[in-house]
């Protein structure tokens, strides 16, 4: 199993799984439980495969949502991840600018963080804007 976050040197890679409609959020190997929990709270579904060696963990946008709402959910997660100090990449085919900007306004307006607390300060030097491939 490949891991795009490890390959790209990011904390989270958001993309459409090849040859499917599934939107994936890969996290770097060894990601802290807090990051995985945040993705859960942001509405992504945690998936896990346990092997005799490594445990593979990733998140997916819920399949029951229509395709446009799937893109909006993925895009709304990005500002919350960035403000938490994550380096995030999202491919253009799943990025929704309006949903992203709406979430940016929520972050800037100091609305409650998905964990139910005030947004944590970003880790110095780690937060970067999403790259678009």
N, C-alpha and C. Protein backbone atom coordinates (compact mmCIF):
# COMPACT_ATOMS: atom_id res chain seq x y z
N UNK A 1 0.84 -1.18 0.00
CA UNK A 1 0.00 0.00 0.00
C UNK A 1 0.88 1.24 0.00
N UNK A 2 0.60 2.16 -0.89
CA UNK A 2 1.33 3.41 -0.92
C UNK A 2 0.71 4.43 0.01
N UNK A 3 1.50 5.42 0.36
CA UNK A 3 1.01 6.49 1.20
C UNK A 3 1.49 7.80 0.59
N UNK A 4 0.57 8.56 0.02
CA UNK A 4 0.94 9.80 -0.66
C UNK A 4 1.50 10.85 0.30
N UNK A 5 1.02 10.89 1.53
CA UNK A 5 1.54 11.88 2.48
C UNK A 5 3.02 11.63 2.74
N UNK A 6 3.41 10.37 2.88
CA UNK A 6 4.83 10.05 3.05
C UNK A 6 5.61 10.40 1.79
N UNK A 7 5.04 10.04 0.64
CA UNK A 7 5.73 10.30 -0.63
C UNK A 7 5.95 11.80 -0.88
N UNK A 8 4.97 12.63 -0.48
CA UNK A 8 5.03 14.07 -0.76
C UNK A 8 5.61 14.89 0.39
N UNK A 9 5.84 14.25 1.54
CA UNK A 9 6.38 14.97 2.69
C UNK A 9 5.38 15.91 3.35
N UNK A 10 4.11 15.55 3.29
CA UNK A 10 3.06 16.35 3.91
C UNK A 10 2.47 15.59 5.09
N UNK A 11 1.62 16.29 5.86
CA UNK A 11 0.88 15.62 6.93
C UNK A 11 -0.37 14.96 6.38
N UNK A 12 -1.01 15.63 5.40
CA UNK A 12 -2.26 15.12 4.83
C UNK A 12 -2.26 15.36 3.33
N UNK A 13 -2.60 14.34 2.57
CA UNK A 13 -2.80 14.42 1.12
C UNK A 13 -4.25 14.08 0.82
N UNK A 14 -4.95 15.00 0.15
CA UNK A 14 -6.36 14.78 -0.18
C UNK A 14 -6.45 14.63 -1.70
N UNK A 15 -7.04 13.52 -2.14
CA UNK A 15 -7.10 13.22 -3.57
C UNK A 15 -8.20 12.21 -3.85
N UNK A 16 -8.54 12.06 -5.12
CA UNK A 16 -9.51 11.03 -5.52
C UNK A 16 -8.74 9.74 -5.80
N UNK A 17 -9.20 8.65 -5.21
CA UNK A 17 -8.57 7.35 -5.43
C UNK A 17 -8.68 7.02 -6.92
N UNK A 18 -7.57 6.60 -7.53
CA UNK A 18 -7.61 6.29 -8.96
C UNK A 18 -8.70 5.28 -9.31
N UNK A 19 -9.35 5.55 -10.41
CA UNK A 19 -10.39 4.68 -10.97
C UNK A 19 -11.59 4.49 -10.04
N UNK A 20 -11.87 5.50 -9.22
CA UNK A 20 -13.04 5.43 -8.34
C UNK A 20 -13.56 6.83 -8.07
N UNK A 21 -14.65 6.91 -7.31
CA UNK A 21 -15.22 8.20 -6.91
C UNK A 21 -14.83 8.54 -5.47
N UNK A 22 -14.02 7.72 -4.84
CA UNK A 22 -13.68 7.87 -3.44
C UNK A 22 -12.63 8.96 -3.23
N UNK A 23 -12.91 9.90 -2.32
CA UNK A 23 -11.94 10.92 -1.95
C UNK A 23 -11.23 10.45 -0.69
N UNK A 24 -9.91 10.40 -0.79
CA UNK A 24 -9.04 9.88 0.28
C UNK A 24 -8.31 11.02 0.95
N UNK A 25 -8.07 10.89 2.25
CA UNK A 25 -7.16 11.77 2.98
C UNK A 25 -6.11 10.87 3.62
N UNK A 26 -4.95 10.80 2.98
CA UNK A 26 -3.83 10.03 3.52
C UNK A 26 -3.11 10.87 4.56
N UNK A 27 -2.70 10.24 5.64
CA UNK A 27 -1.89 10.91 6.65
C UNK A 27 -0.52 10.25 6.68
N UNK A 28 0.46 11.02 7.08
CA UNK A 28 1.83 10.50 7.14
C UNK A 28 1.92 9.35 8.13
N UNK A 29 2.80 8.41 7.87
CA UNK A 29 3.03 7.29 8.77
C UNK A 29 3.40 7.83 10.14
N UNK A 30 2.79 7.26 11.17
CA UNK A 30 3.09 7.68 12.53
C UNK A 30 2.43 8.98 12.92
N UNK A 31 1.41 9.41 12.19
CA UNK A 31 0.71 10.65 12.54
C UNK A 31 0.15 10.56 13.95
N UNK A 32 0.16 11.69 14.67
CA UNK A 32 -0.35 11.66 16.04
C UNK A 32 -1.85 11.37 16.07
N UNK A 33 -2.28 10.79 17.15
CA UNK A 33 -3.69 10.46 17.34
C UNK A 33 -4.57 11.70 17.22
N UNK A 34 -4.05 12.85 17.63
CA UNK A 34 -4.81 14.10 17.56
C UNK A 34 -5.18 14.44 16.12
N UNK A 35 -4.26 14.23 15.19
CA UNK A 35 -4.55 14.50 13.78
C UNK A 35 -5.61 13.55 13.26
N UNK A 36 -5.49 12.28 13.58
CA UNK A 36 -6.48 11.30 13.13
C UNK A 36 -7.85 11.62 13.71
N UNK A 37 -7.87 12.03 14.98
CA UNK A 37 -9.13 12.39 15.64
C UNK A 37 -9.73 13.63 14.99
N UNK A 38 -8.89 14.61 14.64
CA UNK A 38 -9.39 15.81 13.99
C UNK A 38 -10.05 15.47 12.67
N UNK A 39 -9.45 14.59 11.88
CA UNK A 39 -10.06 14.19 10.62
C UNK A 39 -11.40 13.51 10.86
N UNK A 40 -11.48 12.71 11.92
CA UNK A 40 -12.76 12.10 12.30
C UNK A 40 -13.80 13.19 12.55
N UNK A 41 -13.42 14.19 13.37
CA UNK A 41 -14.34 15.26 13.75
C UNK A 41 -14.74 16.13 12.56
N UNK A 42 -13.87 16.21 11.58
CA UNK A 42 -14.16 17.01 10.38
C UNK A 42 -15.11 16.28 9.42
N UNK A 43 -15.50 15.06 9.77
CA UNK A 43 -16.49 14.34 8.98
C UNK A 43 -15.95 13.27 8.08
N UNK A 44 -14.64 13.04 8.11
CA UNK A 44 -14.06 11.97 7.29
C UNK A 44 -14.13 10.66 8.07
N UNK A 45 -14.26 9.58 7.35
CA UNK A 45 -14.38 8.26 7.97
C UNK A 45 -13.03 7.57 8.01
N UNK A 46 -12.63 7.14 9.21
CA UNK A 46 -11.34 6.46 9.37
C UNK A 46 -11.44 5.03 8.87
N UNK A 47 -10.44 4.63 8.11
CA UNK A 47 -10.32 3.26 7.61
C UNK A 47 -8.99 2.71 8.10
N UNK A 48 -8.94 1.43 8.31
CA UNK A 48 -7.73 0.82 8.87
C UNK A 48 -7.58 -0.61 8.37
N UNK A 49 -6.36 -0.96 8.04
CA UNK A 49 -6.03 -2.34 7.68
C UNK A 49 -4.86 -2.74 8.56
N UNK A 50 -5.07 -3.78 9.34
CA UNK A 50 -4.00 -4.29 10.21
C UNK A 50 -3.33 -5.47 9.53
N UNK A 51 -2.03 -5.45 9.53
CA UNK A 51 -1.25 -6.56 8.99
C UNK A 51 -0.35 -7.09 10.10
N UNK A 52 0.39 -8.13 9.81
CA UNK A 52 1.33 -8.63 10.80
C UNK A 52 2.46 -7.64 11.03
N UNK A 53 2.61 -6.71 10.10
CA UNK A 53 3.61 -5.65 10.24
C UNK A 53 2.92 -4.33 10.55
N UNK A 54 2.93 -3.42 9.57
CA UNK A 54 2.35 -2.10 9.84
C UNK A 54 0.83 -2.11 9.87
N UNK A 55 0.29 -1.05 10.48
CA UNK A 55 -1.15 -0.79 10.45
C UNK A 55 -1.33 0.38 9.48
N UNK A 56 -2.16 0.19 8.47
CA UNK A 56 -2.41 1.23 7.48
C UNK A 56 -3.68 1.98 7.87
N UNK A 57 -3.57 3.30 8.00
CA UNK A 57 -4.71 4.13 8.39
C UNK A 57 -4.86 5.25 7.37
N UNK A 58 -6.10 5.49 6.95
CA UNK A 58 -6.41 6.60 6.07
C UNK A 58 -7.84 7.02 6.36
N UNK A 59 -8.26 8.12 5.78
CA UNK A 59 -9.63 8.60 5.94
C UNK A 59 -10.26 8.74 4.56
N UNK A 60 -11.59 8.59 4.51
CA UNK A 60 -12.34 8.77 3.28
C UNK A 60 -13.50 9.71 3.54
N UNK A 61 -13.85 10.49 2.52
CA UNK A 61 -15.07 11.28 2.59
C UNK A 61 -16.23 10.29 2.49
N UNK A 62 -17.27 10.44 3.29
CA UNK A 62 -18.38 9.47 3.27
C UNK A 62 -18.97 9.29 1.87
N UNK A 63 -19.12 8.04 1.49
CA UNK A 63 -19.61 7.70 0.16
C UNK A 63 -21.08 8.05 -0.04
N UNK A 64 -21.85 8.18 1.05
CA UNK A 64 -23.28 8.47 0.91
C UNK A 64 -23.56 9.91 0.49
N UNK A 65 -22.55 10.78 0.57
CA UNK A 65 -22.73 12.17 0.14
C UNK A 65 -22.68 12.26 -1.38
N UNK A 66 -23.40 13.25 -1.94
CA UNK A 66 -23.32 13.42 -3.38
C UNK A 66 -21.93 13.95 -3.73
N UNK A 67 -21.48 13.79 -4.97
CA UNK A 67 -20.10 14.15 -5.35
C UNK A 67 -19.71 15.59 -5.03
N UNK A 68 -20.61 16.54 -5.20
CA UNK A 68 -20.28 17.94 -4.91
C UNK A 68 -20.12 18.16 -3.40
N UNK A 69 -20.97 17.53 -2.60
CA UNK A 69 -20.84 17.67 -1.15
C UNK A 69 -19.57 16.98 -0.66
N UNK A 70 -19.16 15.90 -1.30
CA UNK A 70 -17.90 15.25 -0.94
C UNK A 70 -16.74 16.23 -1.13
N UNK A 71 -16.72 16.93 -2.25
CA UNK A 71 -15.66 17.90 -2.51
C UNK A 71 -15.71 19.04 -1.48
N UNK A 72 -16.91 19.50 -1.16
CA UNK A 72 -17.04 20.58 -0.18
C UNK A 72 -16.53 20.15 1.19
N UNK A 73 -16.88 18.94 1.61
CA UNK A 73 -16.43 18.45 2.92
C UNK A 73 -14.89 18.38 2.96
N UNK A 74 -14.30 17.84 1.93
CA UNK A 74 -12.83 17.74 1.88
C UNK A 74 -12.19 19.13 1.91
N UNK A 75 -12.74 20.06 1.16
CA UNK A 75 -12.18 21.40 1.07
C UNK A 75 -12.36 22.19 2.36
N UNK A 76 -13.49 21.98 3.06
CA UNK A 76 -13.71 22.66 4.34
C UNK A 76 -12.76 22.19 5.42
N UNK A 77 -12.23 21.00 5.28
CA UNK A 77 -11.30 20.47 6.28
C UNK A 77 -9.93 21.16 6.23
N UNK A 78 -9.54 21.64 5.07
CA UNK A 78 -8.18 22.15 4.87
C UNK A 78 -7.80 23.30 5.81
N UNK A 79 -8.60 24.36 5.94
CA UNK A 79 -8.18 25.44 6.85
C UNK A 79 -8.00 24.99 8.29
N UNK A 80 -8.85 24.09 8.75
CA UNK A 80 -8.72 23.60 10.13
C UNK A 80 -7.42 22.82 10.29
N UNK A 81 -7.05 22.06 9.28
CA UNK A 81 -5.79 21.33 9.34
C UNK A 81 -4.61 22.29 9.31
N UNK A 82 -4.70 23.30 8.46
CA UNK A 82 -3.61 24.28 8.35
C UNK A 82 -3.40 25.03 9.66
N UNK A 83 -4.49 25.48 10.28
CA UNK A 83 -4.35 26.24 11.52
C UNK A 83 -3.81 25.37 12.65
N UNK A 84 -3.94 24.08 12.50
CA UNK A 84 -3.39 23.15 13.50
C UNK A 84 -1.92 22.84 13.23
N UNK A 85 -1.37 23.44 12.18
CA UNK A 85 0.05 23.27 11.89
C UNK A 85 0.37 22.19 10.89
N UNK A 86 -0.63 21.67 10.22
CA UNK A 86 -0.40 20.60 9.25
C UNK A 86 0.00 21.16 7.88
N UNK A 87 0.82 20.41 7.21
CA UNK A 87 1.14 20.68 5.81
C UNK A 87 0.18 19.82 4.99
N UNK A 88 -0.63 20.47 4.15
CA UNK A 88 -1.73 19.80 3.45
C UNK A 88 -1.60 20.01 1.95
N UNK A 89 -1.92 18.99 1.19
CA UNK A 89 -2.00 19.09 -0.26
C UNK A 89 -3.34 18.51 -0.69
N UNK A 90 -4.02 19.22 -1.61
CA UNK A 90 -5.30 18.76 -2.13
C UNK A 90 -5.26 18.89 -3.65
N UNK A 91 -5.61 17.84 -4.35
CA UNK A 91 -5.60 17.90 -5.81
C UNK A 91 -6.75 18.77 -6.30
N UNK A 92 -6.55 19.46 -7.42
CA UNK A 92 -7.58 20.38 -7.94
C UNK A 92 -8.93 19.71 -8.21
N UNK A 93 -8.93 18.45 -8.62
CA UNK A 93 -10.20 17.82 -8.98
C UNK A 93 -11.14 17.62 -7.81
N UNK A 94 -10.65 17.69 -6.58
CA UNK A 94 -11.52 17.53 -5.41
C UNK A 94 -11.60 18.82 -4.58
N UNK A 95 -10.98 19.89 -5.06
CA UNK A 95 -10.95 21.15 -4.31
C UNK A 95 -12.13 22.02 -4.71
N UNK A 96 -12.86 22.55 -3.72
CA UNK A 96 -13.98 23.46 -3.94
C UNK A 96 -13.62 24.79 -3.30
N UNK A 97 -13.33 25.79 -4.13
CA UNK A 97 -12.86 27.10 -3.64
C UNK A 97 -13.86 27.77 -2.71
N UNK A 98 -15.14 27.74 -3.05
CA UNK A 98 -16.15 28.40 -2.20
C UNK A 98 -16.21 27.76 -0.82
N UNK A 99 -16.20 26.43 -0.75
CA UNK A 99 -16.24 25.74 0.54
C UNK A 99 -14.98 26.04 1.35
N UNK A 100 -13.85 26.09 0.67
CA UNK A 100 -12.59 26.41 1.34
C UNK A 100 -12.65 27.83 1.94
N UNK A 101 -13.10 28.80 1.14
CA UNK A 101 -13.17 30.19 1.61
C UNK A 101 -14.15 30.34 2.76
N UNK A 102 -15.25 29.60 2.72
CA UNK A 102 -16.22 29.62 3.81
C UNK A 102 -15.56 29.13 5.11
N UNK A 103 -14.78 28.06 5.01
CA UNK A 103 -14.09 27.53 6.18
C UNK A 103 -13.00 28.49 6.67
N UNK A 104 -12.33 29.16 5.74
CA UNK A 104 -11.32 30.16 6.12
C UNK A 104 -11.98 31.27 6.94
N UNK A 105 -13.15 31.73 6.50
CA UNK A 105 -13.86 32.77 7.25
C UNK A 105 -14.24 32.27 8.64
N UNK A 106 -14.63 31.02 8.75
CA UNK A 106 -14.98 30.46 10.05
C UNK A 106 -13.76 30.42 10.97
N UNK A 107 -12.62 30.03 10.41
CA UNK A 107 -11.37 29.98 11.19
C UNK A 107 -11.00 31.39 11.63
N UNK A 108 -11.04 32.33 10.71
CA UNK A 108 -10.68 33.72 11.03
C UNK A 108 -11.66 34.35 12.01
N UNK A 109 -12.90 33.93 11.97
CA UNK A 109 -13.92 34.46 12.88
C UNK A 109 -13.86 33.83 14.26
N UNK A 110 -12.84 33.03 14.47
CA UNK A 110 -12.63 32.38 15.77
C UNK A 110 -13.81 31.52 16.18
N UNK A 111 -14.45 30.94 15.21
CA UNK A 111 -15.52 30.01 15.55
C UNK A 111 -14.90 28.76 16.16
N UNK A 112 -15.71 27.98 16.78
CA UNK A 112 -15.23 26.80 17.48
C UNK A 112 -14.55 25.83 16.53
N UNK A 113 -13.44 25.31 16.97
CA UNK A 113 -12.65 24.31 16.25
C UNK A 113 -13.44 23.01 16.24
N UNK A 114 -13.23 22.14 15.26
CA UNK A 114 -13.97 20.88 15.20
C UNK A 114 -13.85 20.03 16.47
N UNK A 115 -12.81 20.23 17.25
CA UNK A 115 -12.67 19.46 18.49
C UNK A 115 -13.55 20.00 19.60
N UNK A 116 -14.25 21.13 19.33
CA UNK A 116 -15.11 21.73 20.33
C UNK A 116 -14.40 22.77 21.18
N UNK A 117 -13.15 23.04 20.86
CA UNK A 117 -12.35 24.02 21.59
C UNK A 117 -11.96 25.14 20.65
N UNK A 118 -11.36 26.18 21.21
CA UNK A 118 -10.84 27.25 20.37
C UNK A 118 -9.74 26.68 19.50
N UNK A 119 -9.56 27.18 18.27
CA UNK A 119 -8.50 26.67 17.41
C UNK A 119 -7.13 26.81 18.07
N UNK A 120 -6.31 25.76 18.01
CA UNK A 120 -4.98 25.86 18.59
C UNK A 120 -4.09 26.73 17.72
N UNK A 121 -3.06 27.34 18.32
CA UNK A 121 -2.14 28.10 17.48
C UNK A 121 -1.39 27.16 16.55
N UNK A 122 -1.08 27.64 15.38
CA UNK A 122 -0.33 26.82 14.41
C UNK A 122 1.08 26.61 14.92
N UNK A 123 1.63 25.47 14.61
CA UNK A 123 3.02 25.19 14.97
C UNK A 123 3.91 26.12 14.16
N UNK A 124 4.87 26.76 14.79
CA UNK A 124 5.73 27.71 14.06
C UNK A 124 6.40 27.08 12.86
N UNK A 125 6.24 27.74 11.73
CA UNK A 125 6.94 27.33 10.52
C UNK A 125 6.42 26.08 9.84
N UNK A 126 5.34 25.50 10.31
CA UNK A 126 4.86 24.26 9.70
C UNK A 126 3.65 24.47 8.81
N UNK A 127 2.82 25.46 9.10
CA UNK A 127 1.61 25.65 8.31
C UNK A 127 1.97 26.25 6.96
N UNK A 128 1.42 25.66 5.92
CA UNK A 128 1.61 26.16 4.57
C UNK A 128 0.30 26.13 3.85
N UNK A 129 0.09 27.01 2.88
CA UNK A 129 -1.16 26.96 2.13
C UNK A 129 -1.23 25.68 1.30
N UNK A 130 -2.42 25.24 0.97
CA UNK A 130 -2.52 24.01 0.18
C UNK A 130 -1.89 24.19 -1.18
N UNK A 131 -1.19 23.17 -1.61
CA UNK A 131 -0.62 23.19 -2.95
C UNK A 131 -1.65 22.61 -3.90
N UNK A 132 -1.68 23.13 -5.07
CA UNK A 132 -2.60 22.61 -6.08
C UNK A 132 -1.76 22.06 -7.22
N UNK A 133 -1.94 20.80 -7.52
CA UNK A 133 -1.16 20.16 -8.58
C UNK A 133 -1.76 20.44 -9.93
